[in-house]
Amino acid sequence: MRYARELVREANAFDNMIFEIQDEPWSDRPVLAGVMNPYLQLPGRDTYPNSVDLADELSIAWQGQVAEWITSEESALPNRHPIAQNRKPSW
């Protein structure tokens, strides 16, 4: 938490910043949401590059916590920056 807040303070002066919390959060603990080609044989059908994977709930919760740290720290600073968060689709 302290490190994230320090990064936010250090980057605040720059107007070209986007905070991306976690790049490809589905890559370390994927949740299978679907497949591109359902006619492939197992086990290849359900794995990358044919799989459609989502981030798990723990990852989503962690991203939400980090987003709170960023917005909380920026609330006392002069500039605000976008926060990119990979979330679970609502479909």
PDB file of N, CA and C in Angstrom:
ATOM      1  N   MET A   1       0.826  -1.190   0.000  1.00  0.00           N
ATOM      2  CA  MET A   1       0.000   0.000   0.000  1.00  0.00           C
ATOM      3  C   MET A   1       0.876   1.262   0.000  1.00  0.00           C
ATOM      4  N   ARG A   2       1.892   1.293   0.837  1.00  0.00           N
ATOM      5  CA  ARG A   2       2.740   2.492   0.903  1.00  0.00           C
ATOM      6  C   ARG A   2       3.440   2.742  -0.428  1.00  0.00           C
ATOM      7  N   TYR A   3       3.898   1.661  -1.068  1.00  0.00           N
ATOM      8  CA  TYR A   3       4.586   1.808  -2.344  1.00  0.00           C
ATOM      9  C   TYR A   3       3.633   2.334  -3.423  1.00  0.00           C
ATOM     10  N   ALA A   4       2.415   1.805  -3.460  1.00  0.00           N
ATOM     11  CA  ALA A   4       1.427   2.277  -4.440  1.00  0.00           C
ATOM     12  C   ALA A   4       1.138   3.763  -4.235  1.00  0.00           C
ATOM     13  N   ARG A   5       0.993   4.162  -2.990  1.00  0.00           N
ATOM     14  CA  ARG A   5       0.733   5.577  -2.705  1.00  0.00           C
ATOM     15  C   ARG A   5       1.922   6.456  -3.104  1.00  0.00           C
ATOM     16  N   GLU A   6       3.128   5.965  -2.880  1.00  0.00           N
ATOM     17  CA  GLU A   6       4.314   6.712  -3.277  1.00  0.00           C
ATOM     18  C   GLU A   6       4.376   6.873  -4.795  1.00  0.00           C
ATOM     19  N   LEU A   7       4.063   5.813  -5.534  1.00  0.00           N
ATOM     20  CA  LEU A   7       4.029   5.905  -6.998  1.00  0.00           C
ATOM     21  C   LEU A   7       3.011   6.936  -7.469  1.00  0.00           C
ATOM     22  N   VAL A   8       1.861   6.953  -6.831  1.00  0.00           N
ATOM     23  CA  VAL A   8       0.810   7.920  -7.199  1.00  0.00           C
ATOM     24  C   VAL A   8       1.305   9.344  -6.966  1.00  0.00           C
ATOM     25  N   ARG A   9       1.937   9.583  -5.837  1.00  0.00           N
ATOM     26  CA  ARG A   9       2.462  10.933  -5.554  1.00  0.00           C
ATOM     27  C   ARG A   9       3.531  11.339  -6.560  1.00  0.00           C
ATOM     28  N   GLU A  10       4.455  10.419  -6.852  1.00  0.00           N
ATOM     29  CA  GLU A  10       5.542  10.725  -7.782  1.00  0.00           C
ATOM     30  C   GLU A  10       5.029  10.990  -9.199  1.00  0.00           C
ATOM     31  N   ALA A  11       3.994  10.289  -9.619  1.00  0.00           N
ATOM     32  CA  ALA A  11       3.475  10.416 -10.990  1.00  0.00           C
ATOM     33  C   ALA A  11       2.458  11.542 -11.134  1.00  0.00           C
ATOM     34  N   ASN A  12       2.045  12.147 -10.055  1.00  0.00           N
ATOM     35  CA  ASN A  12       0.947  13.102 -10.111  1.00  0.00           C
ATOM     36  C   ASN A  12       1.229  14.310 -10.997  1.00  0.00           C
ATOM     37  N   ALA A  13       2.454  14.721 -11.106  1.00  0.00           N
ATOM     38  CA  ALA A  13       2.777  15.905 -11.904  1.00  0.00           C
ATOM     39  C   ALA A  13       2.650  15.664 -13.406  1.00  0.00           C
ATOM     40  N   PHE A  14       2.622  14.420 -13.819  1.00  0.00           N
ATOM     41  CA  PHE A  14       2.590  14.097 -15.245  1.00  0.00           C
ATOM     42  C   PHE A  14       1.144  13.969 -15.725  1.00  0.00           C
ATOM     43  N   ASP A  15       0.858  14.586 -16.875  1.00  0.00           N
ATOM     44  CA  ASP A  15      -0.514  14.553 -17.388  1.00  0.00           C
ATOM     45  C   ASP A  15      -0.772  13.375 -18.330  1.00  0.00           C
ATOM     46  N   ASN A  16       0.248  12.597 -18.637  1.00  0.00           N
ATOM     47  CA  ASN A  16       0.091  11.500 -19.595  1.00  0.00           C
ATOM     48  C   ASN A  16       0.116  10.132 -18.903  1.00  0.00           C
ATOM     49  N   MET A  17      -0.373  10.049 -17.696  1.00  0.00           N
ATOM     50  CA  MET A  17      -0.345   8.813 -16.907  1.00  0.00           C
ATOM     51  C   MET A  17      -1.695   8.103 -16.919  1.00  0.00           C
ATOM     52  N   ILE A  18      -1.640   6.807 -17.037  1.00  0.00           N
ATOM     53  CA  ILE A  18      -2.796   5.935 -16.812  1.00  0.00           C
ATOM     54  C   ILE A  18      -2.299   4.842 -15.882  1.00  0.00           C
ATOM     55  N   PHE A  19      -2.979   4.653 -14.783  1.00  0.00           N
ATOM     56  CA  PHE A  19      -2.603   3.583 -13.865  1.00  0.00           C
ATOM     57  C   PHE A  19      -3.292   2.298 -14.296  1.00  0.00           C
ATOM     58  N   GLU A  20      -2.514   1.337 -14.754  1.00  0.00           N
ATOM     59  CA  GLU A  20      -3.066   0.023 -15.059  1.00  0.00           C
ATOM     60  C   GLU A  20      -2.719  -0.875 -13.886  1.00  0.00           C
ATOM     61  N   ILE A  21      -3.734  -1.323 -13.188  1.00  0.00           N
ATOM     62  CA  ILE A  21      -3.521  -2.031 -11.932  1.00  0.00           C
ATOM     63  C   ILE A  21      -2.897  -3.398 -12.143  1.00  0.00           C
ATOM     64  N   GLN A  22      -3.446  -4.178 -13.023  1.00  0.00           N
ATOM     65  CA  GLN A  22      -2.938  -5.534 -13.225  1.00  0.00           C
ATOM     66  C   GLN A  22      -3.140  -5.903 -14.687  1.00  0.00           C
ATOM     67  N   ASP A  23      -2.044  -6.054 -15.410  1.00  0.00           N
ATOM     68  CA  ASP A  23      -2.116  -6.408 -16.818  1.00  0.00           C
ATOM     69  C   ASP A  23      -2.430  -7.903 -16.950  1.00  0.00           C
ATOM     70  N   GLU A  24      -3.434  -8.216 -17.713  1.00  0.00           N
ATOM     71  CA  GLU A  24      -3.849  -9.599 -17.966  1.00  0.00           C
ATOM     72  C   GLU A  24      -4.010 -10.414 -16.677  1.00  0.00           C
ATOM     73  N   PRO A  25      -4.940 -10.020 -15.828  1.00  0.00           N
ATOM     74  CA  PRO A  25      -5.091 -10.684 -14.528  1.00  0.00           C
ATOM     75  C   PRO A  25      -5.563 -12.131 -14.629  1.00  0.00           C
ATOM     76  N   TRP A  26      -6.018 -12.534 -15.773  1.00  0.00           N
ATOM     77  CA  TRP A  26      -6.490 -13.905 -15.956  1.00  0.00           C
ATOM     78  C   TRP A  26      -5.342 -14.866 -16.268  1.00  0.00           C
ATOM     79  N   SER A  27      -4.131 -14.361 -16.442  1.00  0.00           N
ATOM     80  CA  SER A  27      -3.036 -15.222 -16.878  1.00  0.00           C
ATOM     81  C   SER A  27      -2.475 -16.116 -15.771  1.00  0.00           C
ATOM     82  N   ASP A  28      -2.595 -15.722 -14.514  1.00  0.00           N
ATOM     83  CA  ASP A  28      -2.008 -16.556 -13.467  1.00  0.00           C
ATOM     84  C   ASP A  28      -3.022 -17.492 -12.800  1.00  0.00           C
ATOM     85  N   ARG A  29      -4.279 -17.091 -12.706  1.00  0.00           N
ATOM     86  CA  ARG A  29      -5.326 -17.960 -12.145  1.00  0.00           C
ATOM     87  C   ARG A  29      -6.586 -17.808 -13.008  1.00  0.00           C
ATOM     88  N   PRO A  30      -6.567 -18.376 -14.192  1.00  0.00           N
ATOM     89  CA  PRO A  30      -7.673 -18.137 -15.119  1.00  0.00           C
ATOM     90  C   PRO A  30      -8.968 -18.834 -14.704  1.00  0.00           C
ATOM     91  N   VAL A  31     -10.060 -18.183 -15.056  1.00  0.00           N
ATOM     92  CA  VAL A  31     -11.390 -18.777 -14.929  1.00  0.00           C
ATOM     93  C   VAL A  31     -11.902 -18.930 -16.357  1.00  0.00           C
ATOM     94  N   LEU A  32     -12.116 -20.158 -16.794  1.00  0.00           N
ATOM     95  CA  LEU A  32     -12.552 -20.411 -18.166  1.00  0.00           C
ATOM     96  C   LEU A  32     -13.969 -19.888 -18.374  1.00  0.00           C
ATOM     97  N   ALA A  33     -14.113 -18.979 -19.345  1.00  0.00           N
ATOM     98  CA  ALA A  33     -15.420 -18.405 -19.651  1.00  0.00           C
ATOM     99  C   ALA A  33     -15.988 -18.953 -20.956  1.00  0.00           C
ATOM    100  N   GLY A  34     -15.136 -19.479 -21.802  1.00  0.00           N
ATOM    101  CA  GLY A  34     -15.587 -20.002 -23.077  1.00  0.00           C
ATOM    102  C   GLY A  34     -14.392 -20.392 -23.931  1.00  0.00           C
ATOM    103  N   VAL A  35     -14.690 -20.832 -25.129  1.00  0.00           N
ATOM    104  CA  VAL A  35     -13.641 -21.230 -26.059  1.00  0.00           C
ATOM    105  C   VAL A  35     -13.921 -20.635 -27.428  1.00  0.00           C
ATOM    106  N   MET A  36     -12.867 -20.448 -28.206  1.00  0.00           N
ATOM    107  CA  MET A  36     -13.020 -19.888 -29.551  1.00  0.00           C
ATOM    108  C   MET A  36     -13.544 -20.948 -30.522  1.00  0.00           C
ATOM    109  N   ASN A  37     -12.972 -22.132 -30.453  1.00  0.00           N
ATOM    110  CA  ASN A  37     -13.359 -23.218 -31.351  1.00  0.00           C
ATOM    111  C   ASN A  37     -13.767 -24.426 -30.497  1.00  0.00           C
ATOM    112  N   PRO A  38     -15.082 -24.635 -30.307  1.00  0.00           N
ATOM    113  CA  PRO A  38     -15.526 -25.719 -29.441  1.00  0.00           C
ATOM    114  C   PRO A  38     -15.320 -27.112 -30.033  1.00  0.00           C
ATOM    115  N   TYR A  39     -14.909 -27.180 -31.298  1.00  0.00           N
ATOM    116  CA  TYR A  39     -14.742 -28.473 -31.953  1.00  0.00           C
ATOM    117  C   TYR A  39     -13.340 -29.062 -31.783  1.00  0.00           C
ATOM    118  N   LEU A  40     -12.437 -28.313 -31.169  1.00  0.00           N
ATOM    119  CA  LEU A  40     -11.105 -28.860 -30.893  1.00  0.00           C
ATOM    120  C   LEU A  40     -11.212 -29.949 -29.837  1.00  0.00           C
ATOM    121  N   GLN A  41     -10.273 -30.862 -29.861  1.00  0.00           N
ATOM    122  CA  GLN A  41     -10.244 -31.943 -28.880  1.00  0.00           C
ATOM    123  C   GLN A  41      -9.665 -31.443 -27.553  1.00  0.00           C
ATOM    124  N   LEU A  42     -10.105 -32.040 -26.464  1.00  0.00           N
ATOM    125  CA  LEU A  42      -9.516 -31.763 -25.155  1.00  0.00           C
ATOM    126  C   LEU A  42      -8.117 -32.352 -25.097  1.00  0.00           C
ATOM    127  N   PRO A  43      -7.170 -31.834 -24.383  1.00  0.00           N
ATOM    128  CA  PRO A  43      -7.286 -30.692 -23.491  1.00  0.00           C
ATOM    129  C   PRO A  43      -7.039 -29.360 -24.182  1.00  0.00           C
ATOM    130  N   GLY A  44      -6.624 -29.372 -25.447  1.00  0.00           N
ATOM    131  CA  GLY A  44      -6.313 -28.139 -26.161  1.00  0.00           C
ATOM    132  C   GLY A  44      -7.490 -27.191 -26.299  1.00  0.00           C
ATOM    133  N   ARG A  45      -8.697 -27.734 -26.321  1.00  0.00           N
ATOM    134  CA  ARG A  45      -9.874 -26.894 -26.495  1.00  0.00           C
ATOM    135  C   ARG A  45     -10.013 -25.856 -25.375  1.00  0.00           C
ATOM    136  N   ASP A  46      -9.684 -26.249 -24.146  1.00  0.00           N
ATOM    137  CA  ASP A  46      -9.921 -25.376 -22.995  1.00  0.00           C
ATOM    138  C   ASP A  46      -8.686 -24.618 -22.525  1.00  0.00           C
ATOM    139  N   THR A  47      -7.656 -24.541 -23.365  1.00  0.00           N
ATOM    140  CA  THR A  47      -6.436 -23.852 -22.973  1.00  0.00           C
ATOM    141  C   THR A  47      -6.073 -22.786 -23.992  1.00  0.00           C
ATOM    142  N   TYR A  48      -5.216 -21.868 -23.573  1.00  0.00           N
ATOM    143  CA  TYR A  48      -4.721 -20.817 -24.447  1.00  0.00           C
ATOM    144  C   TYR A  48      -4.002 -21.452 -25.639  1.00  0.00           C
ATOM    145  N   PRO A  49      -4.189 -20.954 -26.838  1.00  0.00           N
ATOM    146  CA  PRO A  49      -4.831 -19.730 -27.264  1.00  0.00           C
ATOM    147  C   PRO A  49      -6.305 -19.885 -27.646  1.00  0.00           C
ATOM    148  N   ASN A  50      -6.893 -21.016 -27.390  1.00  0.00           N
ATOM    149  CA  ASN A  50      -8.298 -21.221 -27.749  1.00  0.00           C
ATOM    150  C   ASN A  50      -9.263 -20.797 -26.648  1.00  0.00           C
ATOM    151  N   SER A  51      -8.777 -20.635 -25.445  1.00  0.00           N
ATOM    152  CA  SER A  51      -9.662 -20.345 -24.313  1.00  0.00           C
ATOM    153  C   SER A  51      -9.981 -18.858 -24.198  1.00  0.00           C
ATOM    154  N   VAL A  52     -11.123 -18.556 -23.616  1.00  0.00           N
ATOM    155  CA  VAL A  52     -11.511 -17.203 -23.227  1.00  0.00           C
ATOM    156  C   VAL A  52     -11.497 -17.210 -21.703  1.00  0.00           C
ATOM    157  N   ASP A  53     -10.482 -16.571 -21.141  1.00  0.00           N
ATOM    158  CA  ASP A  53     -10.279 -16.616 -19.698  1.00  0.00           C
ATOM    159  C   ASP A  53     -10.601 -15.277 -19.053  1.00  0.00           C
ATOM    160  N   LEU A  54     -11.085 -15.335 -17.830  1.00  0.00           N
ATOM    161  CA  LEU A  54     -11.388 -14.146 -17.037  1.00  0.00           C
ATOM    162  C   LEU A  54     -10.552 -14.162 -15.770  1.00  0.00           C
ATOM    163  N   ALA A  55     -10.461 -13.005 -15.150  1.00  0.00           N
ATOM    164  CA  ALA A  55      -9.804 -12.915 -13.846  1.00  0.00           C
ATOM    165  C   ALA A  55     -10.708 -13.534 -12.792  1.00  0.00           C
ATOM    166  N   ASP A  56     -10.092 -14.152 -11.797  1.00  0.00           N
ATOM    167  CA  ASP A  56     -10.901 -14.739 -10.728  1.00  0.00           C
ATOM    168  C   ASP A  56     -11.336 -13.648  -9.734  1.00  0.00           C
ATOM    169  N   GLU A  57     -12.211 -14.028  -8.813  1.00  0.00           N
ATOM    170  CA  GLU A  57     -12.783 -13.057  -7.869  1.00  0.00           C
ATOM    171  C   GLU A  57     -11.725 -12.431  -6.964  1.00  0.00           C
ATOM    172  N   LEU A  58     -10.717 -13.201  -6.574  1.00  0.00           N
ATOM    173  CA  LEU A  58      -9.657 -12.661  -5.731  1.00  0.00           C
ATOM    174  C   LEU A  58      -8.890 -11.555  -6.453  1.00  0.00           C
ATOM    175  N   SER A  59      -8.625 -11.757  -7.725  1.00  0.00           N
ATOM    176  CA  SER A  59      -7.941 -10.746  -8.524  1.00  0.00           C
ATOM    177  C   SER A  59      -8.784  -9.478  -8.650  1.00  0.00           C
ATOM    178  N   ILE A  60     -10.062  -9.643  -8.903  1.00  0.00           N
ATOM    179  CA  ILE A  60     -10.962  -8.489  -9.019  1.00  0.00           C
ATOM    180  C   ILE A  60     -11.002  -7.713  -7.715  1.00  0.00           C
ATOM    181  N   ALA A  61     -11.067  -8.416  -6.592  1.00  0.00           N
ATOM    182  CA  ALA A  61     -11.094  -7.756  -5.279  1.00  0.00           C
ATOM    183  C   ALA A  61      -9.791  -6.993  -5.028  1.00  0.00           C
ATOM    184  N   TRP A  62      -8.659  -7.600  -5.384  1.00  0.00           N
ATOM    185  CA  TRP A  62      -7.368  -6.941  -5.195  1.00  0.00           C
ATOM    186  C   TRP A  62      -7.279  -5.680  -6.053  1.00  0.00           C
ATOM    187  N   GLN A  63      -7.730  -5.764  -7.297  1.00  0.00           N
ATOM    188  CA  GLN A  63      -7.716  -4.587  -8.165  1.00  0.00           C
ATOM    189  C   GLN A  63      -8.562  -3.466  -7.583  1.00  0.00           C
ATOM    190  N   GLY A  64      -9.709  -3.824  -7.011  1.00  0.00           N
ATOM    191  CA  GLY A  64     -10.568  -2.815  -6.382  1.00  0.00           C
ATOM    192  C   GLY A  64      -9.876  -2.131  -5.216  1.00  0.00           C
ATOM    193  N   GLN A  65      -9.142  -2.898  -4.425  1.00  0.00           N
ATOM    194  CA  GLN A  65      -8.408  -2.335  -3.290  1.00  0.00           C
ATOM    195  C   GLN A  65      -7.327  -1.367  -3.764  1.00  0.00           C
ATOM    196  N   VAL A  66      -6.581  -1.749  -4.791  1.00  0.00           N
ATOM    197  CA  VAL A  66      -5.529  -0.875  -5.312  1.00  0.00           C
ATOM    198  C   VAL A  66      -6.144   0.394  -5.911  1.00  0.00           C
ATOM    199  N   ALA A  67      -7.266   0.270  -6.589  1.00  0.00           N
ATOM    200  CA  ALA A  67      -7.949   1.452  -7.137  1.00  0.00           C
ATOM    201  C   ALA A  67      -8.359   2.409  -6.017  1.00  0.00           C
ATOM    202  N   GLU A  68      -8.781   1.861  -4.894  1.00  0.00           N
ATOM    203  CA  GLU A  68      -9.108   2.713  -3.740  1.00  0.00           C
ATOM    204  C   GLU A  68      -7.874   3.442  -3.227  1.00  0.00           C
ATOM    205  N   TRP A  69      -6.734   2.750  -3.169  1.00  0.00           N
ATOM    206  CA  TRP A  69      -5.499   3.417  -2.727  1.00  0.00           C
ATOM    207  C   TRP A  69      -5.152   4.570  -3.658  1.00  0.00           C
ATOM    208  N   ILE A  70      -5.290   4.336  -4.964  1.00  0.00           N
ATOM    209  CA  ILE A  70      -4.950   5.371  -5.944  1.00  0.00           C
ATOM    210  C   ILE A  70      -5.880   6.572  -5.801  1.00  0.00           C
ATOM    211  N   THR A  71      -7.173   6.334  -5.782  1.00  0.00           N
ATOM    212  CA  THR A  71      -8.121   7.453  -5.699  1.00  0.00           C
ATOM    213  C   THR A  71      -8.017   8.181  -4.367  1.00  0.00           C
ATOM    214  N   SER A  72      -7.766   7.447  -3.311  1.00  0.00           N
ATOM    215  CA  SER A  72      -7.604   8.074  -1.997  1.00  0.00           C
ATOM    216  C   SER A  72      -6.381   8.984  -1.982  1.00  0.00           C
ATOM    217  N   GLU A  73      -5.279   8.512  -2.520  1.00  0.00           N
ATOM    218  CA  GLU A  73      -4.055   9.312  -2.533  1.00  0.00           C
ATOM    219  C   GLU A  73      -4.204  10.518  -3.448  1.00  0.00           C
ATOM    220  N   GLU A  74      -4.830  10.332  -4.598  1.00  0.00           N
ATOM    221  CA  GLU A  74      -4.988  11.459  -5.535  1.00  0.00           C
ATOM    222  C   GLU A  74      -5.973  12.500  -5.035  1.00  0.00           C
ATOM    223  N   SER A  75      -6.834  12.137  -4.110  1.00  0.00           N
ATOM    224  CA  SER A  75      -7.820  13.105  -3.611  1.00  0.00           C
ATOM    225  C   SER A  75      -7.151  14.304  -2.940  1.00  0.00           C
ATOM    226  N   ALA A  76      -5.931  14.138  -2.440  1.00  0.00           N
ATOM    227  CA  ALA A  76      -5.214  15.230  -1.793  1.00  0.00           C
ATOM    228  C   ALA A  76      -4.171  15.861  -2.716  1.00  0.00           C
ATOM    229  N   LEU A  77      -4.150  15.451  -3.978  1.00  0.00           N
ATOM    230  CA  LEU A  77      -3.159  15.945  -4.927  1.00  0.00           C
ATOM    231  C   LEU A  77      -3.836  16.771  -6.021  1.00  0.00           C
ATOM    232  N   PRO A  78      -3.071  17.578  -6.762  1.00  0.00           N
ATOM    233  CA  PRO A  78      -3.687  18.470  -7.750  1.00  0.00           C
ATOM    234  C   PRO A  78      -4.262  17.778  -8.987  1.00  0.00           C
ATOM    235  N   ASN A  79      -3.726  16.628  -9.396  1.00  0.00           N
ATOM    236  CA  ASN A  79      -4.164  15.994 -10.642  1.00  0.00           C
ATOM    237  C   ASN A  79      -4.822  14.645 -10.396  1.00  0.00           C
ATOM    238  N   ARG A  80      -5.739  14.290 -11.319  1.00  0.00           N
ATOM    239  CA  ARG A  80      -6.390  12.974 -11.295  1.00  0.00           C
ATOM    240  C   ARG A  80      -6.032  12.245 -12.583  1.00  0.00           C
ATOM    241  N   HIS A  81      -5.896  10.935 -12.497  1.00  0.00           N
ATOM    242  CA  HIS A  81      -5.516  10.134 -13.651  1.00  0.00           C
ATOM    243  C   HIS A  81      -6.479   8.971 -13.832  1.00  0.00           C
ATOM    244  N   PRO A  82      -6.655   8.514 -15.067  1.00  0.00           N
ATOM    245  CA  PRO A  82      -7.499   7.341 -15.308  1.00  0.00           C
ATOM    246  C   PRO A  82      -6.885   6.087 -14.691  1.00  0.00           C
ATOM    247  N   ILE A  83      -7.759   5.173 -14.317  1.00  0.00           N
ATOM    248  CA  ILE A  83      -7.327   3.888 -13.786  1.00  0.00           C
ATOM    249  C   ILE A  83      -7.874   2.807 -14.703  1.00  0.00           C
ATOM    250  N   ALA A  84      -6.977   2.009 -15.279  1.00  0.00           N
ATOM    251  CA  ALA A  84      -7.378   0.893 -16.137  1.00  0.00           C
ATOM    252  C   ALA A  84      -7.492  -0.353 -15.268  1.00  0.00           C
ATOM    253  N   GLN A  85      -8.626  -1.003 -15.368  1.00  0.00           N
ATOM    254  CA  GLN A  85      -8.847  -2.210 -14.566  1.00  0.00           C
ATOM    255  C   GLN A  85      -9.491  -3.279 -15.433  1.00  0.00           C
ATOM    256  N   ASN A  86      -8.870  -4.445 -15.489  1.00  0.00           N
ATOM    257  CA  ASN A  86      -9.433  -5.573 -16.217  1.00  0.00           C
ATOM    258  C   ASN A  86     -10.443  -6.267 -15.317  1.00  0.00           C
ATOM    259  N   ARG A  87     -11.692  -6.168 -15.691  1.00  0.00           N
ATOM    260  CA  ARG A  87     -12.755  -6.730 -14.854  1.00  0.00           C
ATOM    261  C   ARG A  87     -13.479  -7.846 -15.572  1.00  0.00           C
ATOM    262  N   LYS A  88     -14.296  -8.491 -14.828  1.00  0.00           N
ATOM    263  CA  LYS A  88     -15.130  -9.548 -15.389  1.00  0.00           C
ATOM    264  C   LYS A  88     -16.265  -8.906 -16.183  1.00  0.00           C
ATOM    265  N   PRO A  89     -16.501  -9.360 -17.408  1.00  0.00           N
ATOM    266  CA  PRO A  89     -17.616  -8.803 -18.175  1.00  0.00           C
ATOM    267  C   PRO A  89     -18.959  -9.103 -17.502  1.00  0.00           C
ATOM    268  N   SER A  90     -19.918  -8.285 -17.788  1.00  0.00           N
ATOM    269  CA  SER A  90     -21.235  -8.450 -17.164  1.00  0.00           C
ATOM    270  C   SER A  90     -22.177  -9.340 -17.982  1.00  0.00           C
ATOM    271  N   TRP A  91     -21.656  -9.995 -19.024  1.00  0.00           N
ATOM    272  CA  TRP A  91     -22.541 -10.842 -19.807  1.00  0.00           C
ATOM    273  C   TRP A  91     -22.638 -12.169 -19.250  1.00  0.00           C
TER     274      TRP A  91
END
